[in-house]
Structures are given as structure tokens and as C-alpha cells.
Amino acid sequence: MNARLLPWGVFAGLVLAMAVLPTLRGKVAVGPAAGTPQGLPARPEILLATVDVREYHDESGDWNRLTAEEASYEYARRTVTGTRVWVHLMEKALRGTTVQAPAASWDFDRASLSFPEGARLAREGGWEADVSPATLDIAGQILRVPGPATLSGPGITASGRDLVWEWGGGKITMDSPRGRFHPAKVPR
């Protein structure tokens, strides 16, 4: 009977040694972890290859989905960060919105997506936007683009800065807009 427990005892001792060893003086790494920019603390994360993240809401049945070719999940901050990202939103007024971006970060606690390298959005009904770095507040249903943006929809095309697209309220604002109206393309 004791011979059967010996491998488990050795394994438990090894795990205990691995847990205690970093707490001893002189045994802790001084520099940042490999791949971490200087000045930023390394946070625990899980590195993933192709990833498909789905967020379901039991009370409403709505869901949102993020697909990325390369991603990491920072579980202390509950954030997924990925490259070559595709996002499909099906929640409330965002229903039918797709986003393609070279990089994106999804903060689950704040219910927001950020696109540090810009993005291309498409909505049902023919609405599209090409944006510089932007943030999409999923809970508030608001896209904020502090830099340049181009927006087009049925019968209109506009370019400008500081785009705020409030899907819930049906309101779009933009500073210094320049655009065109195409009355022939408006559905009647």
C-alpha cells in the first residue's frame, strides 16, 4: 500500500518545492519576462493560437463572438487580446455588427472592445465605417473614434474626426465632416 503512495508523495513534494523556491531570497527573476516591454510588469496570461471566444447572456439570449488568429488571455484583468481579429456582435442595438481589425482587446469586466490599430465595421442595412484607433462600449452601445474616420450608409458618405456612433440612441456625431449625399441610393 505504501509503495502505491510513494509516486504521489514525490509529486506533492515537487509541487511544494516549486511553490516555495521563488519566495526564497535571491531566487526571483529581476528583469521582465521575455517579450514584455520594459517598464511594464509581466502579468499572468494564457497564450493561445487560433481562438474563438463567445460571450452568452442567459437572461436575453444575446451573444457576442471574437475570433483571432493569435491571442492571449490575461486572466487577472479578464481581457482577451488578439491579432487578425473578427468580431460579431448580436447584443441589443449592436445586432448584426461585424468588425475586422488587425488587433483588438476585449475587456470582459468593462464590456468594451478596443482597436489600437483601427478597424472596419459593417452593419446590417448597408452601414460601414473605416476608423483609426477606436473603442466600442458594448454595454453603452457606443463607438468612439478620437482620430480620423469614414462612415457610409444608404445615400451618405462622410469623413471627419472624433466620430461618436451611438447605436442605442440612433445618433452619429463627427467633427469637421466632409461628405456626399447620394439620394438615388436611399431606399424608398
Protein backbone atom coordinates (compact mmCIF):
# COMPACT_ATOMS: atom_id res chain seq x y z
CA MET A 1 0.00 0.00 0.00
CA ASN A 2 2.83 2.45 0.85
CA ALA A 3 4.51 1.68 -2.48
CA ARG A 4 1.41 2.93 -4.28
CA LEU A 5 1.50 6.26 -2.41
CA LEU A 6 5.23 6.87 -2.99
CA PRO A 7 4.84 8.41 -6.50
CA TRP A 8 2.08 10.73 -5.23
CA GLY A 9 4.24 11.79 -2.28
CA VAL A 10 7.18 12.55 -4.57
CA PHE A 11 4.89 14.56 -6.87
CA ALA A 12 3.44 16.52 -3.92
CA GLY A 13 6.96 17.27 -2.67
CA LEU A 14 8.00 18.51 -6.12
CA VAL A 15 4.97 20.82 -6.34
CA LEU A 16 5.67 22.16 -2.85
CA ALA A 17 9.33 22.80 -3.75
CA MET A 18 8.29 24.67 -6.93
CA ALA A 19 5.89 26.83 -4.89
CA VAL A 20 8.41 27.67 -2.15
CA LEU A 21 11.54 28.15 -4.30
CA PRO A 22 10.57 31.56 -5.79
CA THR A 23 9.92 33.00 -2.32
CA LEU A 24 13.50 32.41 -1.19
CA ARG A 25 15.85 35.42 -1.39
CA GLY A 26 17.97 35.62 -4.50
CA LYS A 27 15.81 33.22 -6.46
CA VAL A 28 13.41 35.73 -8.04
CA ALA A 29 13.97 36.99 -11.61
CA VAL A 30 14.98 40.67 -11.64
CA GLY A 31 14.07 41.66 -15.22
CA PRO A 32 10.75 41.49 -17.05
CA ALA A 33 9.63 38.25 -18.63
CA ALA A 34 10.68 37.60 -22.22
CA GLY A 35 8.55 39.57 -24.68
CA THR A 36 7.34 42.06 -22.05
CA PRO A 37 8.07 45.72 -22.90
CA GLN A 38 10.45 47.47 -20.49
CA GLY A 39 8.66 49.20 -17.63
CA LEU A 40 5.53 47.04 -17.76
CA PRO A 41 5.06 44.31 -15.17
CA ALA A 42 4.60 40.82 -16.54
CA ARG A 43 1.06 39.67 -15.73
CA PRO A 44 -0.14 36.10 -15.74
CA GLU A 45 -1.62 35.25 -19.11
CA ILE A 46 -2.51 32.28 -21.25
CA LEU A 47 -1.10 32.34 -24.79
CA LEU A 48 -3.38 30.87 -27.44
CA ALA A 49 -3.16 30.12 -31.15
CA THR A 50 -6.40 30.45 -33.10
CA VAL A 51 -9.14 31.39 -30.64
CA ASP A 52 -12.92 31.67 -30.77
CA VAL A 53 -14.40 33.47 -27.74
CA ARG A 54 -18.17 33.59 -27.26
CA GLU A 55 -20.00 35.60 -24.61
CA TYR A 56 -23.55 34.47 -23.87
CA HIS A 57 -26.20 36.35 -21.91
CA ASP A 58 -28.64 33.92 -20.27
CA GLU A 59 -31.30 36.50 -19.46
CA SER A 60 -31.63 37.84 -23.02
CA GLY A 61 -30.21 35.03 -25.15
CA ASP A 62 -27.90 37.55 -26.87
CA TRP A 63 -24.29 36.67 -27.63
CA ASN A 64 -21.10 38.23 -28.95
CA ARG A 65 -18.17 36.48 -30.61
CA LEU A 66 -14.47 37.25 -31.16
CA THR A 67 -12.23 35.18 -33.43
CA ALA A 68 -8.46 35.82 -33.59
CA GLU A 69 -5.53 34.07 -35.24
CA GLU A 70 -3.23 34.69 -32.27
CA ALA A 71 -4.43 35.68 -28.83
CA SER A 72 -3.67 35.82 -25.14
CA TYR A 73 -6.00 35.81 -22.16
CA GLU A 74 -4.91 37.91 -19.21
CA TYR A 75 -6.99 36.26 -16.50
CA ALA A 76 -6.19 38.78 -13.73
CA ARG A 77 -7.75 41.56 -15.83
CA ARG A 78 -10.25 39.28 -17.66
CA THR A 79 -9.07 40.55 -21.05
CA VAL A 80 -8.55 38.78 -24.38
CA THR A 81 -6.06 40.42 -26.74
CA GLY A 82 -5.63 39.17 -30.30
CA THR A 83 -4.30 39.85 -33.78
CA ARG A 84 -6.12 39.50 -37.10
CA VAL A 85 -9.44 39.77 -35.30
CA TRP A 86 -13.03 39.35 -36.43
CA VAL A 87 -15.85 40.34 -34.03
CA HIS A 88 -19.54 39.57 -34.50
CA LEU A 89 -21.94 41.40 -32.16
CA MET A 90 -25.52 40.28 -31.56
CA GLU A 91 -26.40 42.23 -28.42
CA LYS A 92 -29.25 44.80 -28.35
CA ALA A 93 -28.83 47.62 -30.90
CA LEU A 94 -25.43 46.22 -31.96
CA ARG A 95 -27.15 43.18 -33.52
CA GLY A 96 -25.68 42.39 -36.92
CA THR A 97 -22.45 44.37 -36.48
CA THR A 98 -19.19 42.81 -37.66
CA VAL A 99 -15.73 44.26 -37.04
CA GLN A 100 -12.46 43.34 -38.73
CA ALA A 101 -9.25 44.65 -37.17
CA PRO A 102 -5.52 43.93 -37.25
CA ALA A 103 -5.56 43.87 -33.42
CA ALA A 104 -8.18 44.08 -30.69
CA SER A 105 -8.61 43.77 -26.94
CA TRP A 106 -11.84 42.69 -25.22
CA ASP A 107 -12.22 43.70 -21.57
CA PHE A 108 -14.98 41.48 -20.15
CA ASP A 109 -15.37 43.46 -16.89
CA ARG A 110 -15.90 46.79 -18.66
CA ALA A 111 -17.78 45.22 -21.61
CA SER A 112 -15.63 47.08 -24.10
CA LEU A 113 -13.56 46.36 -27.18
CA SER A 114 -10.56 48.47 -28.17
CA PHE A 115 -8.96 48.54 -31.61
CA PRO A 116 -5.48 50.11 -31.23
CA GLU A 117 -4.68 49.88 -34.96
CA GLY A 118 -8.10 50.88 -36.27
CA ALA A 119 -10.88 48.71 -37.69
CA ARG A 120 -13.51 48.25 -40.37
CA LEU A 121 -17.11 47.94 -39.19
CA ALA A 122 -20.11 46.73 -41.15
CA ARG A 123 -23.75 46.81 -40.03
CA GLU A 124 -26.90 45.32 -41.39
CA GLY A 125 -28.69 47.84 -43.60
CA GLY A 126 -25.59 48.90 -45.54
CA TRP A 127 -23.74 50.97 -42.91
CA GLU A 128 -19.93 50.77 -42.90
CA ALA A 129 -17.08 52.62 -41.18
CA ASP A 130 -13.30 52.67 -41.53
CA VAL A 131 -11.83 54.01 -38.31
CA SER A 132 -8.48 54.84 -36.77
CA PRO A 133 -7.84 53.56 -33.21
CA ALA A 134 -11.23 53.22 -31.54
CA THR A 135 -13.15 51.91 -28.54
CA LEU A 136 -16.52 50.17 -28.66
CA ASP A 137 -18.51 50.22 -25.42
CA ILE A 138 -20.71 47.13 -25.75
CA ALA A 139 -22.85 47.92 -22.70
CA GLY A 140 -23.42 51.55 -23.74
CA GLN A 141 -23.62 50.64 -27.46
CA ILE A 142 -21.26 53.49 -28.41
CA LEU A 143 -18.29 53.56 -30.80
CA ARG A 144 -15.76 56.33 -30.05
CA VAL A 145 -13.05 57.23 -32.56
CA PRO A 146 -10.84 60.15 -31.43
CA GLY A 147 -8.98 60.26 -34.78
CA PRO A 148 -9.98 60.12 -38.46
CA ALA A 149 -12.97 58.07 -39.58
CA THR A 150 -15.05 57.45 -42.68
CA LEU A 151 -18.69 56.46 -42.41
CA SER A 152 -21.03 55.42 -45.20
CA GLY A 153 -24.61 54.30 -45.29
CA PRO A 154 -27.58 54.30 -47.61
CA GLY A 155 -27.30 57.58 -49.51
CA ILE A 156 -24.47 59.19 -47.49
CA THR A 157 -20.69 59.13 -47.19
CA ALA A 158 -18.82 61.27 -44.63
CA SER A 159 -15.22 61.61 -43.44
CA GLY A 160 -14.03 63.53 -40.41
CA ARG A 161 -12.60 63.25 -36.92
CA ASP A 162 -13.91 62.37 -33.47
CA LEU A 163 -16.67 60.02 -34.56
CA VAL A 164 -19.19 59.04 -31.88
CA TRP A 165 -21.71 56.46 -33.10
CA GLU A 166 -24.48 55.80 -30.56
CA TRP A 167 -26.38 52.77 -31.81
CA GLY A 168 -28.83 52.68 -28.91
CA GLY A 169 -29.92 56.29 -29.45
CA GLY A 170 -29.57 56.25 -33.24
CA LYS A 171 -27.19 59.24 -33.17
CA ILE A 172 -23.97 59.87 -35.11
CA THR A 173 -21.69 62.86 -34.46
CA MET A 174 -18.41 63.79 -36.13
CA ASP A 175 -16.13 66.85 -36.05
CA SER A 176 -15.15 68.50 -39.35
CA PRO A 177 -17.24 66.19 -41.53
CA ARG A 178 -16.94 66.25 -45.28
CA GLY A 179 -19.32 64.15 -47.22
CA ARG A 180 -21.69 63.47 -50.03
CA PHE A 181 -25.34 62.67 -50.23
CA HIS A 182 -26.44 60.13 -52.81
CA PRO A 183 -30.25 60.48 -52.93
CA ALA A 184 -30.55 57.84 -55.67
CA LYS A 185 -29.12 55.18 -53.32
CA VAL A 186 -31.55 55.83 -50.47
CA PRO A 187 -34.13 53.03 -50.20
CA ARG A 188 -37.67 54.29 -50.69
